Each structure stands twice: as C-alpha cells, then as structure tokens.
Amino acid sequence: MLLDTDVAGCVSSSLSSVLDERRRGTLLKCIEILEKVIPSIGDEDGTRYYERLHEMALLAAGLGDIDGGRHR
C-alpha cells in the first residue's frame, strides 16, 4: 500500500514541477522494488495495476523510453 502511495505522490509532484532529488530518489527506490515484486504477483489484475504504476514511476523519474516494462 505504501508503495503506490509513494509513487502517486511523486508522480503528482512531477506533473506540476520538476522533481527534487528526494522525490526522484523515492521513485528510483520504488522502481527497484516494483521490478522485484511484479513477477511474484499471482493475480492478473494486481500485476496489471503494478505494471502501470511502474510505468508511471519511470516516466515521472525521467528515465526515458519504456522498454517492455523495464527501465533502461
């Protein structure tokens, strides 16, 4: 639950201004966690939800192109 709250807060901030280093760091940590957790989610709807959350985090962190759900 805290994971999606952190990502949502940082994404929201990125929509109104450039992310500060603290929020970008939070997003990078969330991205790492999501990449570890997503493969172990057994629920199809849950997997889709967290894949979308991962994509939003990548975009908000400014990591460029999304390639198959993993950052470059």
C-alpha atoms as a PDB file:
ATOM      1  CA  MET A   1       0.000   0.000   0.000  1.00  0.00           C
ATOM      2  CA  LEU A   2       2.762   2.448   0.888  1.00  0.00           C
ATOM      3  CA  LEU A   3       4.473   1.727  -2.434  1.00  0.00           C
ATOM      4  CA  ASP A   4       1.594   3.014  -4.546  1.00  0.00           C
ATOM      5  CA  THR A   5       1.134   5.986  -2.199  1.00  0.00           C
ATOM      6  CA  ASP A   6       4.792   6.980  -2.620  1.00  0.00           C
ATOM      7  CA  VAL A   7       4.665   6.625  -6.401  1.00  0.00           C
ATOM      8  CA  ALA A   8       1.367   8.512  -6.671  1.00  0.00           C
ATOM      9  CA  GLY A   9       2.667  11.395  -4.574  1.00  0.00           C
ATOM     10  CA  CYS A  10       5.863  11.717  -6.588  1.00  0.00           C
ATOM     11  CA  VAL A  11       4.026  11.412  -9.921  1.00  0.00           C
ATOM     12  CA  SER A  12       1.597  14.103  -8.822  1.00  0.00           C
ATOM     13  CA  SER A  13       4.500  16.388  -7.911  1.00  0.00           C
ATOM     14  CA  SER A  14       6.188  15.733 -11.252  1.00  0.00           C
ATOM     15  CA  LEU A  15       3.083  16.904 -13.091  1.00  0.00           C
ATOM     16  CA  SER A  16       3.262  20.352 -11.512  1.00  0.00           C
ATOM     17  CA  SER A  17       7.030  20.902 -11.381  1.00  0.00           C
ATOM     18  CA  VAL A  18      10.434  19.333 -11.789  1.00  0.00           C
ATOM     19  CA  LEU A  19      11.063  16.643  -9.193  1.00  0.00           C
ATOM     20  CA  ASP A  20      13.527  17.406  -6.444  1.00  0.00           C
ATOM     21  CA  GLU A  21      16.276  14.891  -5.701  1.00  0.00           C
ATOM     22  CA  ARG A  22      14.454  13.440  -2.683  1.00  0.00           C
ATOM     23  CA  ARG A  23      11.330  12.603  -4.672  1.00  0.00           C
ATOM     24  CA  ARG A  24      13.326  11.303  -7.623  1.00  0.00           C
ATOM     25  CA  GLY A  25      15.268   9.094  -5.213  1.00  0.00           C
ATOM     26  CA  THR A  26      11.999   7.819  -3.773  1.00  0.00           C
ATOM     27  CA  LEU A  27      10.798   6.965  -7.275  1.00  0.00           C
ATOM     28  CA  LEU A  28      14.016   5.143  -8.101  1.00  0.00           C
ATOM     29  CA  LYS A  29      13.673   3.017  -4.958  1.00  0.00           C
ATOM     30  CA  CYS A  30      10.028   2.293  -5.811  1.00  0.00           C
ATOM     31  CA  ILE A  31      11.015   1.288  -9.350  1.00  0.00           C
ATOM     32  CA  GLU A  32      13.559  -1.190  -7.993  1.00  0.00           C
ATOM     33  CA  ILE A  33      11.023  -2.673  -5.587  1.00  0.00           C
ATOM     34  CA  LEU A  34       8.352  -2.926  -8.278  1.00  0.00           C
ATOM     35  CA  GLU A  35      10.747  -4.733 -10.610  1.00  0.00           C
ATOM     36  CA  LYS A  36      11.377  -7.323  -7.902  1.00  0.00           C
ATOM     37  CA  VAL A  37       7.762  -7.700  -6.783  1.00  0.00           C
ATOM     38  CA  ILE A  38       5.785  -7.673 -10.050  1.00  0.00           C
ATOM     39  CA  PRO A  39       6.945 -11.118 -11.237  1.00  0.00           C
ATOM     40  CA  SER A  40       5.726 -12.708  -7.992  1.00  0.00           C
ATOM     41  CA  ILE A  41       2.193 -11.267  -8.070  1.00  0.00           C
ATOM     42  CA  GLY A  42      -0.169 -14.133  -8.769  1.00  0.00           C
ATOM     43  CA  ASP A  43      -3.215 -12.032  -9.570  1.00  0.00           C
ATOM     44  CA  GLU A  44      -3.599 -10.831 -13.177  1.00  0.00           C
ATOM     45  CA  ASP A  45      -5.388  -7.625 -12.177  1.00  0.00           C
ATOM     46  CA  GLY A  46      -2.801  -6.924  -9.490  1.00  0.00           C
ATOM     47  CA  THR A  47       0.012  -7.481 -11.965  1.00  0.00           C
ATOM     48  CA  ARG A  48      -1.530  -5.047 -14.450  1.00  0.00           C
ATOM     49  CA  TYR A  49      -2.051  -2.436 -11.732  1.00  0.00           C
ATOM     50  CA  TYR A  50       1.550  -2.576 -10.543  1.00  0.00           C
ATOM     51  CA  GLU A  51       2.918  -2.649 -14.105  1.00  0.00           C
ATOM     52  CA  ARG A  52       1.057   0.613 -14.773  1.00  0.00           C
ATOM     53  CA  LEU A  53       2.363   2.037 -11.516  1.00  0.00           C
ATOM     54  CA  HIS A  54       5.874   1.038 -12.615  1.00  0.00           C
ATOM     55  CA  GLU A  55       5.418   2.774 -15.973  1.00  0.00           C
ATOM     56  CA  MET A  56       4.195   5.965 -14.291  1.00  0.00           C
ATOM     57  CA  ALA A  57       7.193   5.915 -11.955  1.00  0.00           C
ATOM     58  CA  LEU A  58       9.583   5.519 -14.889  1.00  0.00           C
ATOM     59  CA  LEU A  59       8.040   8.435 -16.746  1.00  0.00           C
ATOM     60  CA  ALA A  60       7.930  10.682 -13.681  1.00  0.00           C
ATOM     61  CA  ALA A  61      11.564   9.879 -12.844  1.00  0.00           C
ATOM     62  CA  GLY A  62      12.547  10.910 -16.373  1.00  0.00           C
ATOM     63  CA  LEU A  63      14.194   7.620 -17.245  1.00  0.00           C
ATOM     64  CA  GLY A  64      13.300   7.939 -20.905  1.00  0.00           C
ATOM     65  CA  ASP A  65      11.758   5.254 -23.081  1.00  0.00           C
ATOM     66  CA  ILE A  66       9.878   2.388 -21.549  1.00  0.00           C
ATOM     67  CA  ASP A  67      11.105  -0.910 -22.934  1.00  0.00           C
ATOM     68  CA  GLY A  68       8.856  -3.848 -22.169  1.00  0.00           C
ATOM     69  CA  GLY A  69       8.036  -2.582 -18.697  1.00  0.00           C
ATOM     70  CA  ARG A  70      11.664  -2.335 -17.543  1.00  0.00           C
ATOM     71  CA  HIS A  71      13.808   0.775 -17.467  1.00  0.00           C
ATOM     72  CA  ARG A  72      16.980   1.185 -19.457  1.00  0.00           C
END
